[in-house]
Amino acid sequence: MSHLSGKTIAFLVASEGIERVELTDPWKAVSDAGATPVLLSPKEGEVQTFNHLDKAEKRPVDKTVSSASVDDYDALVLPGGVANPDALRMDQDAVAFVRDFVQSGKVVAAICHAPWTLVEADVVRGKQLTSWPSLQTDIRNAGGEWVDKEVVVDGNLITSRNPDDLPAFNSQLLEAVAHGVAAQ
């Protein structure tokens, strides 16, 4: 496992609708590898995670996305859940942060429905990625190529389909952060 001491990983989520395991599993992976995870959201306070459609635990927000700087983080993780990325793509600060992060060349890892935020940020054109199957038309319409694979790496983007893909997603995320870019 990569040793990521001194690395800081941003996790960007909306106030609710986050698929719990898609936040907590990568969070634990980066934390166990020695990195510092930071929870960003459009609003201060707490965010509500879900197990599918059932409320799960709340998590405290560390910083609002409007006050966050791409320069302060080594990577960005975008957990899924249907309502989470749908709300994020309506927040101009969140969309701008995601766009700037992808354009910085730093690692951006998105799982399940999270690529909706990448579509809104207009950063999928010419890229190959995967997601929850219902997003494939949105990805294609935004100029991306959708494929049905456990994990897809294209440049600095890492994408996966669903919680079953978390082991591969987390492994690729840790490897990419350890080397500063996504492995090809």
N, C-alpha and C. Protein backbone atom coordinates (compact mmCIF):
# COMPACT_ATOMS: atom_id res chain seq x y z
N MET A 1 0.86 -1.19 0.00
CA MET A 1 0.00 0.00 0.00
C MET A 1 0.90 1.24 0.00
N SER A 2 0.49 2.24 -0.69
CA SER A 2 1.25 3.48 -0.81
C SER A 2 1.33 4.20 0.52
N HIS A 3 2.43 4.82 0.75
CA HIS A 3 2.55 5.66 1.94
C HIS A 3 2.33 7.11 1.50
N LEU A 4 1.25 7.70 1.97
CA LEU A 4 0.86 9.02 1.49
C LEU A 4 1.01 10.11 2.54
N SER A 5 1.91 9.92 3.46
CA SER A 5 2.13 10.92 4.50
C SER A 5 2.44 12.28 3.89
N GLY A 6 1.77 13.32 4.41
CA GLY A 6 1.98 14.67 3.90
C GLY A 6 1.04 15.03 2.76
N LYS A 7 0.29 14.07 2.25
CA LYS A 7 -0.67 14.33 1.16
C LYS A 7 -2.03 14.70 1.76
N THR A 8 -2.74 15.58 1.09
CA THR A 8 -4.08 15.99 1.53
C THR A 8 -5.05 15.74 0.39
N ILE A 9 -6.11 15.01 0.70
CA ILE A 9 -7.08 14.60 -0.31
C ILE A 9 -8.43 15.27 -0.02
N ALA A 10 -8.95 16.01 -0.98
CA ALA A 10 -10.27 16.64 -0.85
C ALA A 10 -11.35 15.66 -1.26
N PHE A 11 -12.42 15.62 -0.49
CA PHE A 11 -13.63 14.85 -0.82
C PHE A 11 -14.73 15.89 -0.94
N LEU A 12 -15.31 16.03 -2.13
CA LEU A 12 -16.34 17.04 -2.36
C LEU A 12 -17.71 16.39 -2.45
N VAL A 13 -18.62 16.84 -1.58
CA VAL A 13 -19.98 16.30 -1.56
C VAL A 13 -20.99 17.42 -1.34
N ALA A 14 -22.24 17.16 -1.72
CA ALA A 14 -23.34 18.08 -1.44
C ALA A 14 -23.79 17.86 0.01
N SER A 15 -24.81 18.59 0.42
CA SER A 15 -25.29 18.49 1.80
C SER A 15 -25.98 17.17 2.11
N GLU A 16 -26.51 16.51 1.08
CA GLU A 16 -27.16 15.23 1.32
C GLU A 16 -27.14 14.39 0.06
N GLY A 17 -27.57 13.14 0.21
CA GLY A 17 -27.65 12.24 -0.94
C GLY A 17 -26.36 11.53 -1.28
N ILE A 18 -25.37 11.60 -0.40
CA ILE A 18 -24.08 10.95 -0.65
C ILE A 18 -24.22 9.46 -0.35
N GLU A 19 -23.78 8.61 -1.25
CA GLU A 19 -23.76 7.18 -0.98
C GLU A 19 -22.64 6.94 0.05
N ARG A 20 -23.05 6.56 1.28
CA ARG A 20 -22.15 6.49 2.43
C ARG A 20 -20.85 5.75 2.12
N VAL A 21 -20.95 4.54 1.62
CA VAL A 21 -19.76 3.72 1.41
C VAL A 21 -18.82 4.33 0.36
N GLU A 22 -19.35 5.12 -0.57
CA GLU A 22 -18.51 5.75 -1.58
C GLU A 22 -17.76 6.96 -1.03
N LEU A 23 -18.15 7.38 0.17
CA LEU A 23 -17.39 8.40 0.90
C LEU A 23 -16.47 7.74 1.92
N THR A 24 -17.04 6.85 2.74
CA THR A 24 -16.29 6.31 3.88
C THR A 24 -15.20 5.32 3.47
N ASP A 25 -15.41 4.55 2.42
CA ASP A 25 -14.42 3.54 2.02
C ASP A 25 -13.16 4.20 1.44
N PRO A 26 -13.28 5.11 0.46
CA PRO A 26 -12.06 5.80 -0.01
C PRO A 26 -11.43 6.67 1.09
N TRP A 27 -12.25 7.27 1.95
CA TRP A 27 -11.77 8.09 3.06
C TRP A 27 -10.86 7.26 3.96
N LYS A 28 -11.32 6.06 4.32
CA LYS A 28 -10.53 5.15 5.16
C LYS A 28 -9.26 4.73 4.44
N ALA A 29 -9.36 4.44 3.14
CA ALA A 29 -8.19 4.02 2.37
C ALA A 29 -7.10 5.08 2.36
N VAL A 30 -7.47 6.35 2.10
CA VAL A 30 -6.44 7.40 2.07
C VAL A 30 -5.92 7.69 3.47
N SER A 31 -6.80 7.63 4.45
CA SER A 31 -6.38 7.85 5.84
C SER A 31 -5.42 6.75 6.31
N ASP A 32 -5.78 5.49 6.02
CA ASP A 32 -4.92 4.36 6.39
C ASP A 32 -3.56 4.43 5.69
N ALA A 33 -3.51 5.06 4.51
CA ALA A 33 -2.26 5.19 3.76
C ALA A 33 -1.44 6.40 4.23
N GLY A 34 -1.95 7.13 5.23
CA GLY A 34 -1.19 8.24 5.80
C GLY A 34 -1.57 9.62 5.31
N ALA A 35 -2.51 9.71 4.37
CA ALA A 35 -2.93 11.01 3.85
C ALA A 35 -3.98 11.63 4.78
N THR A 36 -4.21 12.92 4.61
CA THR A 36 -5.22 13.64 5.38
C THR A 36 -6.43 13.90 4.49
N PRO A 37 -7.58 13.24 4.79
CA PRO A 37 -8.78 13.52 4.02
C PRO A 37 -9.48 14.78 4.56
N VAL A 38 -10.04 15.59 3.66
CA VAL A 38 -10.74 16.83 4.05
C VAL A 38 -12.10 16.83 3.35
N LEU A 39 -13.15 17.04 4.13
CA LEU A 39 -14.50 17.04 3.56
C LEU A 39 -14.93 18.45 3.18
N LEU A 40 -15.14 18.65 1.87
CA LEU A 40 -15.60 19.92 1.33
C LEU A 40 -17.06 19.80 0.93
N SER A 41 -17.80 20.88 1.09
CA SER A 41 -19.20 20.92 0.69
C SER A 41 -19.59 22.37 0.45
N PRO A 42 -20.65 22.62 -0.32
CA PRO A 42 -21.06 24.00 -0.54
C PRO A 42 -21.48 24.74 0.73
N LYS A 43 -21.98 24.01 1.73
CA LYS A 43 -22.43 24.65 2.96
C LYS A 43 -21.70 24.12 4.17
N GLU A 44 -21.54 24.97 5.19
CA GLU A 44 -20.93 24.56 6.45
C GLU A 44 -21.88 23.63 7.20
N GLY A 45 -21.37 23.01 8.25
CA GLY A 45 -22.21 22.17 9.11
C GLY A 45 -21.93 20.70 8.89
N GLU A 46 -23.00 19.95 8.61
CA GLU A 46 -22.89 18.51 8.42
C GLU A 46 -23.51 18.11 7.09
N VAL A 47 -23.07 16.96 6.59
CA VAL A 47 -23.68 16.37 5.40
C VAL A 47 -24.34 15.05 5.79
N GLN A 48 -25.40 14.73 5.08
CA GLN A 48 -26.16 13.51 5.36
C GLN A 48 -25.81 12.44 4.34
N THR A 49 -25.24 11.33 4.83
CA THR A 49 -24.95 10.21 3.93
C THR A 49 -26.16 9.27 3.90
N PHE A 50 -26.17 8.43 2.88
CA PHE A 50 -27.27 7.48 2.69
C PHE A 50 -26.72 6.10 2.34
N ASN A 51 -27.46 5.08 2.74
CA ASN A 51 -27.25 3.72 2.24
C ASN A 51 -28.37 3.53 1.22
N HIS A 52 -28.05 3.75 -0.03
CA HIS A 52 -29.04 3.77 -1.12
C HIS A 52 -30.06 4.88 -0.83
N LEU A 53 -31.29 4.55 -0.44
CA LEU A 53 -32.29 5.58 -0.19
C LEU A 53 -32.56 5.82 1.29
N ASP A 54 -31.87 5.09 2.16
CA ASP A 54 -32.06 5.22 3.60
C ASP A 54 -30.97 6.09 4.22
N LYS A 55 -31.39 7.03 5.09
CA LYS A 55 -30.41 7.89 5.75
C LYS A 55 -29.43 7.05 6.56
N ALA A 56 -28.16 7.44 6.51
CA ALA A 56 -27.10 6.81 7.29
C ALA A 56 -26.55 7.90 8.22
N GLU A 57 -25.23 7.87 8.51
CA GLU A 57 -24.70 8.86 9.46
C GLU A 57 -24.49 10.23 8.81
N LYS A 58 -24.35 11.22 9.68
CA LYS A 58 -23.96 12.56 9.25
C LYS A 58 -22.46 12.70 9.45
N ARG A 59 -21.85 13.54 8.64
CA ARG A 59 -20.40 13.78 8.73
C ARG A 59 -20.18 15.29 8.76
N PRO A 60 -19.22 15.75 9.59
CA PRO A 60 -18.95 17.19 9.66
C PRO A 60 -18.16 17.69 8.44
N VAL A 61 -18.56 18.87 7.95
CA VAL A 61 -17.86 19.52 6.85
C VAL A 61 -16.62 20.20 7.41
N ASP A 62 -15.48 20.01 6.75
CA ASP A 62 -14.23 20.65 7.19
C ASP A 62 -14.10 22.06 6.62
N LYS A 63 -14.59 22.24 5.38
CA LYS A 63 -14.40 23.53 4.71
C LYS A 63 -15.42 23.66 3.59
N THR A 64 -15.85 24.89 3.33
CA THR A 64 -16.76 25.09 2.20
C THR A 64 -15.93 25.11 0.91
N VAL A 65 -16.53 24.62 -0.16
CA VAL A 65 -15.83 24.56 -1.44
C VAL A 65 -15.50 25.97 -1.94
N SER A 66 -16.33 26.95 -1.60
CA SER A 66 -16.06 28.32 -2.06
C SER A 66 -14.80 28.90 -1.42
N SER A 67 -14.39 28.37 -0.27
CA SER A 67 -13.18 28.87 0.40
C SER A 67 -11.98 27.93 0.19
N ALA A 68 -12.17 26.89 -0.62
CA ALA A 68 -11.10 25.93 -0.87
C ALA A 68 -10.28 26.32 -2.09
N SER A 69 -9.01 25.95 -2.07
CA SER A 69 -8.11 26.21 -3.20
C SER A 69 -7.55 24.88 -3.70
N VAL A 70 -7.56 24.68 -5.01
CA VAL A 70 -6.99 23.48 -5.61
C VAL A 70 -5.55 23.28 -5.14
N ASP A 71 -4.81 24.38 -4.95
CA ASP A 71 -3.41 24.32 -4.54
C ASP A 71 -3.19 23.60 -3.21
N ASP A 72 -4.24 23.53 -2.37
CA ASP A 72 -4.11 22.94 -1.04
C ASP A 72 -4.28 21.43 -1.01
N TYR A 73 -4.58 20.82 -2.15
CA TYR A 73 -4.90 19.39 -2.18
C TYR A 73 -4.09 18.66 -3.24
N ASP A 74 -3.79 17.40 -2.94
CA ASP A 74 -3.04 16.55 -3.87
C ASP A 74 -3.95 15.76 -4.80
N ALA A 75 -5.22 15.59 -4.40
CA ALA A 75 -6.19 14.85 -5.22
C ALA A 75 -7.59 15.24 -4.78
N LEU A 76 -8.56 14.91 -5.63
CA LEU A 76 -9.97 15.17 -5.36
C LEU A 76 -10.75 13.88 -5.57
N VAL A 77 -11.58 13.53 -4.59
CA VAL A 77 -12.46 12.37 -4.70
C VAL A 77 -13.90 12.87 -4.75
N LEU A 78 -14.66 12.35 -5.71
CA LEU A 78 -16.07 12.70 -5.87
C LEU A 78 -16.90 11.44 -5.64
N PRO A 79 -17.45 11.27 -4.42
CA PRO A 79 -18.33 10.13 -4.16
C PRO A 79 -19.64 10.29 -4.90
N GLY A 80 -20.35 9.19 -5.06
CA GLY A 80 -21.62 9.21 -5.78
C GLY A 80 -22.83 9.30 -4.87
N GLY A 81 -23.87 8.61 -5.27
CA GLY A 81 -25.20 8.78 -4.71
C GLY A 81 -25.93 9.63 -5.74
N VAL A 82 -27.18 9.35 -6.01
CA VAL A 82 -27.88 10.06 -7.08
C VAL A 82 -28.04 11.56 -6.80
N ALA A 83 -28.52 11.90 -5.61
CA ALA A 83 -28.82 13.30 -5.29
C ALA A 83 -27.56 14.15 -5.09
N ASN A 84 -26.49 13.53 -4.62
CA ASN A 84 -25.25 14.26 -4.30
C ASN A 84 -24.67 14.99 -5.53
N PRO A 85 -24.28 14.27 -6.60
CA PRO A 85 -23.73 15.00 -7.76
C PRO A 85 -24.76 15.86 -8.47
N ASP A 86 -26.04 15.47 -8.37
CA ASP A 86 -27.07 16.28 -9.00
C ASP A 86 -27.14 17.65 -8.32
N ALA A 87 -26.99 17.69 -6.99
CA ALA A 87 -26.97 18.96 -6.27
C ALA A 87 -25.66 19.72 -6.54
N LEU A 88 -24.53 19.00 -6.56
CA LEU A 88 -23.24 19.65 -6.79
C LEU A 88 -23.19 20.36 -8.14
N ARG A 89 -23.79 19.75 -9.16
CA ARG A 89 -23.70 20.35 -10.49
C ARG A 89 -24.55 21.61 -10.61
N MET A 90 -25.35 21.90 -9.59
CA MET A 90 -26.14 23.13 -9.55
C MET A 90 -25.42 24.23 -8.76
N ASP A 91 -24.26 23.88 -8.16
CA ASP A 91 -23.50 24.83 -7.35
C ASP A 91 -22.30 25.34 -8.16
N GLN A 92 -22.31 26.63 -8.50
CA GLN A 92 -21.25 27.19 -9.35
C GLN A 92 -19.85 27.03 -8.76
N ASP A 93 -19.74 27.19 -7.44
CA ASP A 93 -18.43 27.06 -6.80
C ASP A 93 -17.92 25.62 -6.89
N ALA A 94 -18.81 24.66 -6.68
CA ALA A 94 -18.42 23.25 -6.77
C ALA A 94 -17.99 22.90 -8.19
N VAL A 95 -18.76 23.33 -9.18
CA VAL A 95 -18.45 23.03 -10.58
C VAL A 95 -17.11 23.68 -10.96
N ALA A 96 -16.90 24.91 -10.56
CA ALA A 96 -15.64 25.61 -10.87
C ALA A 96 -14.46 24.90 -10.20
N PHE A 97 -14.64 24.46 -8.95
CA PHE A 97 -13.57 23.76 -8.23
C PHE A 97 -13.20 22.46 -8.97
N VAL A 98 -14.22 21.71 -9.38
CA VAL A 98 -13.97 20.46 -10.10
C VAL A 98 -13.27 20.76 -11.43
N ARG A 99 -13.74 21.75 -12.17
CA ARG A 99 -13.12 22.11 -13.45
C ARG A 99 -11.64 22.50 -13.23
N ASP A 100 -11.40 23.35 -12.25
CA ASP A 100 -10.02 23.79 -11.98
C ASP A 100 -9.15 22.63 -11.54
N PHE A 101 -9.72 21.71 -10.77
CA PHE A 101 -8.94 20.56 -10.29
C PHE A 101 -8.54 19.67 -11.46
N VAL A 102 -9.49 19.37 -12.33
CA VAL A 102 -9.17 18.53 -13.49
C VAL A 102 -8.13 19.24 -14.36
N GLN A 103 -8.31 20.53 -14.60
CA GLN A 103 -7.37 21.28 -15.44
C GLN A 103 -5.99 21.42 -14.80
N SER A 104 -5.89 21.27 -13.48
CA SER A 104 -4.59 21.37 -12.79
C SER A 104 -3.71 20.17 -13.10
N GLY A 105 -4.32 19.08 -13.57
CA GLY A 105 -3.56 17.87 -13.84
C GLY A 105 -3.46 16.94 -12.63
N LYS A 106 -3.95 17.39 -11.48
CA LYS A 106 -3.94 16.54 -10.29
C LYS A 106 -5.02 15.46 -10.42
N VAL A 107 -4.87 14.41 -9.64
CA VAL A 107 -5.76 13.26 -9.68
C VAL A 107 -7.18 13.64 -9.26
N VAL A 108 -8.16 13.24 -10.08
CA VAL A 108 -9.58 13.39 -9.76
C VAL A 108 -10.22 12.01 -9.92
N ALA A 109 -10.82 11.50 -8.83
CA ALA A 109 -11.42 10.17 -8.83
C ALA A 109 -12.92 10.30 -8.55
N ALA A 110 -13.74 9.79 -9.48
CA ALA A 110 -15.20 9.91 -9.37
C ALA A 110 -15.84 8.54 -9.52
N ILE A 111 -16.79 8.24 -8.64
CA ILE A 111 -17.44 6.93 -8.67
C ILE A 111 -18.95 7.05 -8.80
N CYS A 112 -19.53 6.09 -9.51
CA CYS A 112 -20.97 5.90 -9.61
C CYS A 112 -21.65 7.06 -10.35
N HIS A 113 -22.45 7.87 -9.67
CA HIS A 113 -23.13 9.02 -10.29
C HIS A 113 -22.27 10.29 -10.30
N ALA A 114 -21.13 10.27 -9.62
CA ALA A 114 -20.28 11.47 -9.50
C ALA A 114 -19.82 12.06 -10.83
N PRO A 115 -19.63 11.27 -11.89
CA PRO A 115 -19.24 11.89 -13.16
C PRO A 115 -20.23 12.92 -13.70
N TRP A 116 -21.44 12.98 -13.16
CA TRP A 116 -22.36 14.06 -13.54
C TRP A 116 -21.72 15.42 -13.29
N THR A 117 -20.97 15.54 -12.19
CA THR A 117 -20.30 16.80 -11.88
C THR A 117 -19.19 17.06 -12.89
N LEU A 118 -18.51 16.01 -13.34
CA LEU A 118 -17.48 16.16 -14.38
C LEU A 118 -18.12 16.63 -15.69
N VAL A 119 -19.29 16.08 -16.02
CA VAL A 119 -20.02 16.50 -17.22
C VAL A 119 -20.35 17.99 -17.12
N GLU A 120 -20.88 18.39 -15.97
CA GLU A 120 -21.27 19.80 -15.77
C GLU A 120 -20.06 20.72 -15.86
N ALA A 121 -18.91 20.24 -15.40
CA ALA A 121 -17.68 21.03 -15.44
C ALA A 121 -17.04 21.04 -16.83
N ASP A 122 -17.63 20.31 -17.77
CA ASP A 122 -17.17 20.25 -19.16
C ASP A 122 -15.72 19.78 -19.25
N VAL A 123 -15.42 18.66 -18.56
CA VAL A 123 -14.06 18.13 -18.57
C VAL A 123 -13.98 16.68 -19.06
N VAL A 124 -15.05 16.17 -19.69
CA VAL A 124 -15.02 14.78 -20.16
C VAL A 124 -14.79 14.65 -21.67
N ARG A 125 -14.82 15.77 -22.38
CA ARG A 125 -14.65 15.75 -23.83
C ARG A 125 -13.31 15.06 -24.19
N GLY A 126 -13.42 14.03 -25.05
CA GLY A 126 -12.22 13.32 -25.49
C GLY A 126 -11.68 12.33 -24.48
N LYS A 127 -12.36 12.15 -23.36
CA LYS A 127 -11.89 11.24 -22.30
C LYS A 127 -12.72 9.96 -22.31
N GLN A 128 -12.10 8.88 -21.88
CA GLN A 128 -12.81 7.63 -21.67
C GLN A 128 -13.08 7.51 -20.17
N LEU A 129 -14.33 7.19 -19.82
CA LEU A 129 -14.66 7.02 -18.41
C LEU A 129 -15.82 6.06 -18.24
N THR A 130 -16.05 5.67 -16.99
CA THR A 130 -17.16 4.82 -16.65
C THR A 130 -17.94 5.46 -15.51
N SER A 131 -19.10 4.90 -15.22
CA SER A 131 -19.99 5.47 -14.21
C SER A 131 -21.12 4.48 -13.99
N TRP A 132 -22.08 4.88 -13.16
CA TRP A 132 -23.34 4.16 -13.10
C TRP A 132 -23.90 4.18 -14.52
N PRO A 133 -24.45 3.06 -15.03
CA PRO A 133 -24.88 2.98 -16.43
C PRO A 133 -25.84 4.09 -16.89
N SER A 134 -26.66 4.62 -16.02
CA SER A 134 -27.63 5.64 -16.45
C SER A 134 -26.99 6.94 -16.90
N LEU A 135 -25.70 7.15 -16.61
CA LEU A 135 -25.02 8.38 -17.01
C LEU A 135 -24.39 8.29 -18.40
N GLN A 136 -24.40 7.11 -19.03
CA GLN A 136 -23.65 6.96 -20.29
C GLN A 136 -24.08 7.92 -21.38
N THR A 137 -25.37 8.22 -21.51
CA THR A 137 -25.81 9.17 -22.53
C THR A 137 -25.32 10.57 -22.22
N ASP A 138 -25.38 10.97 -20.95
CA ASP A 138 -24.88 12.30 -20.55
C ASP A 138 -23.39 12.43 -20.86
N ILE A 139 -22.63 11.38 -20.56
CA ILE A 139 -21.19 11.39 -20.81
C ILE A 139 -20.92 11.49 -22.32
N ARG A 140 -21.63 10.70 -23.10
CA ARG A 140 -21.45 10.75 -24.56
C ARG A 140 -21.85 12.12 -25.11
N ASN A 141 -22.95 12.66 -24.63
CA ASN A 141 -23.40 13.98 -25.10
C ASN A 141 -22.41 15.08 -24.73
N ALA A 142 -21.62 14.86 -23.68
CA ALA A 142 -20.61 15.84 -23.27
C ALA A 142 -19.28 15.59 -23.96
N GLY A 143 -19.24 14.64 -24.91
CA GLY A 143 -18.03 14.40 -25.68
C GLY A 143 -17.12 13.33 -25.14
N GLY A 144 -17.56 12.63 -24.09
CA GLY A 144 -16.75 11.55 -23.53
C GLY A 144 -17.11 10.21 -24.13
N GLU A 145 -16.26 9.22 -23.89
CA GLU A 145 -16.54 7.85 -24.31
C GLU A 145 -16.83 7.03 -23.07
N TRP A 146 -18.05 6.50 -22.96
CA TRP A 146 -18.44 5.69 -21.81
C TRP A 146 -18.12 4.23 -22.06
N VAL A 147 -17.48 3.57 -21.09
CA VAL A 147 -17.19 2.14 -21.18
C VAL A 147 -17.65 1.47 -19.88
N ASP A 148 -17.98 0.20 -19.97
CA ASP A 148 -18.45 -0.57 -18.83
C ASP A 148 -17.28 -1.39 -18.27
N LYS A 149 -16.50 -0.75 -17.38
CA LYS A 149 -15.34 -1.39 -16.77
C LYS A 149 -15.32 -1.05 -15.29
N GLU A 150 -14.66 -1.88 -14.51
CA GLU A 150 -14.54 -1.69 -13.06
C GLU A 150 -13.89 -0.35 -12.72
N VAL A 151 -12.80 -0.07 -13.39
CA VAL A 151 -12.11 1.21 -13.18
C VAL A 151 -11.49 1.65 -14.50
N VAL A 152 -11.60 2.94 -14.79
CA VAL A 152 -11.03 3.50 -16.01
C VAL A 152 -10.14 4.67 -15.62
N VAL A 153 -8.95 4.68 -16.17
CA VAL A 153 -8.02 5.79 -15.96
C VAL A 153 -7.76 6.44 -17.31
N ASP A 154 -7.98 7.74 -17.38
CA ASP A 154 -7.68 8.49 -18.60
C ASP A 154 -7.06 9.81 -18.16
N GLY A 155 -5.77 9.93 -18.36
CA GLY A 155 -5.05 11.11 -17.88
C GLY A 155 -5.13 11.15 -16.36
N ASN A 156 -5.62 12.28 -15.83
CA ASN A 156 -5.71 12.40 -14.37
C ASN A 156 -7.09 12.01 -13.83
N LEU A 157 -7.97 11.49 -14.69
CA LEU A 157 -9.30 11.07 -14.25
C LEU A 157 -9.34 9.57 -13.96
N ILE A 158 -9.88 9.22 -12.80
CA ILE A 158 -10.12 7.83 -12.41
C ILE A 158 -11.62 7.72 -12.18
N THR A 159 -12.28 6.76 -12.84
CA THR A 159 -13.72 6.58 -12.65
C THR A 159 -14.04 5.10 -12.43
N SER A 160 -15.11 4.87 -11.65
CA SER A 160 -15.62 3.53 -11.41
C SER A 160 -17.14 3.57 -11.42
N ARG A 161 -17.77 2.38 -11.51
CA ARG A 161 -19.20 2.27 -11.74
C ARG A 161 -20.08 2.31 -10.49
N ASN A 162 -19.66 1.62 -9.42
CA ASN A 162 -20.55 1.43 -8.27
C ASN A 162 -19.76 0.94 -7.05
N PRO A 163 -20.42 0.76 -5.91
CA PRO A 163 -19.70 0.33 -4.69
C PRO A 163 -18.94 -0.99 -4.84
N ASP A 164 -19.40 -1.89 -5.72
CA ASP A 164 -18.67 -3.15 -5.92
C ASP A 164 -17.27 -2.90 -6.47
N ASP A 165 -17.07 -1.75 -7.12
CA ASP A 165 -15.77 -1.41 -7.72
C ASP A 165 -14.82 -0.71 -6.73
N LEU A 166 -15.27 -0.48 -5.49
CA LEU A 166 -14.45 0.29 -4.54
C LEU A 166 -13.04 -0.27 -4.31
N PRO A 167 -12.83 -1.58 -4.20
CA PRO A 167 -11.45 -2.05 -4.02
C PRO A 167 -10.52 -1.60 -5.16
N ALA A 168 -10.95 -1.74 -6.41
CA ALA A 168 -10.13 -1.31 -7.56
C ALA A 168 -10.00 0.21 -7.60
N PHE A 169 -11.11 0.90 -7.32
CA PHE A 169 -11.13 2.37 -7.29
C PHE A 169 -10.12 2.90 -6.26
N ASN A 170 -10.19 2.37 -5.04
CA ASN A 170 -9.30 2.82 -3.97
C ASN A 170 -7.85 2.51 -4.29
N SER A 171 -7.59 1.33 -4.83
CA SER A 171 -6.23 0.94 -5.18
C SER A 171 -5.64 1.90 -6.23
N GLN A 172 -6.43 2.20 -7.25
CA GLN A 172 -5.98 3.11 -8.32
C GLN A 172 -5.77 4.52 -7.77
N LEU A 173 -6.67 4.96 -6.90
CA LEU A 173 -6.55 6.28 -6.27
C LEU A 173 -5.25 6.39 -5.48
N LEU A 174 -4.98 5.41 -4.62
CA LEU A 174 -3.76 5.45 -3.80
C LEU A 174 -2.51 5.41 -4.66
N GLU A 175 -2.50 4.57 -5.68
CA GLU A 175 -1.36 4.47 -6.60
C GLU A 175 -1.14 5.81 -7.31
N ALA A 176 -2.21 6.42 -7.78
CA ALA A 176 -2.11 7.68 -8.51
C ALA A 176 -1.59 8.80 -7.62
N VAL A 177 -2.11 8.89 -6.40
CA VAL A 177 -1.67 9.94 -5.47
C VAL A 177 -0.21 9.73 -5.10
N ALA A 178 0.19 8.50 -4.90
CA ALA A 178 1.58 8.20 -4.55
C ALA A 178 2.54 8.66 -5.64
N HIS A 179 2.11 8.58 -6.90
CA HIS A 179 2.96 8.96 -8.02
C HIS A 179 2.64 10.34 -8.59
N GLY A 180 1.66 11.02 -8.00
CA GLY A 180 1.35 12.38 -8.42
C GLY A 180 0.46 12.49 -9.65
N VAL A 181 0.27 11.39 -10.35
CA VAL A 181 -0.62 11.38 -11.52
C VAL A 181 -1.26 10.00 -11.61
N ALA A 182 -2.32 9.91 -12.35
CA ALA A 182 -2.96 8.61 -12.56
C ALA A 182 -2.06 7.74 -13.44
N ALA A 183 -1.90 6.49 -13.04
CA ALA A 183 -1.10 5.54 -13.83
C ALA A 183 -1.86 5.17 -15.09
N GLN A 184 -1.16 5.00 -16.18
CA GLN A 184 -1.82 4.66 -17.45
C GLN A 184 -1.94 3.15 -17.61
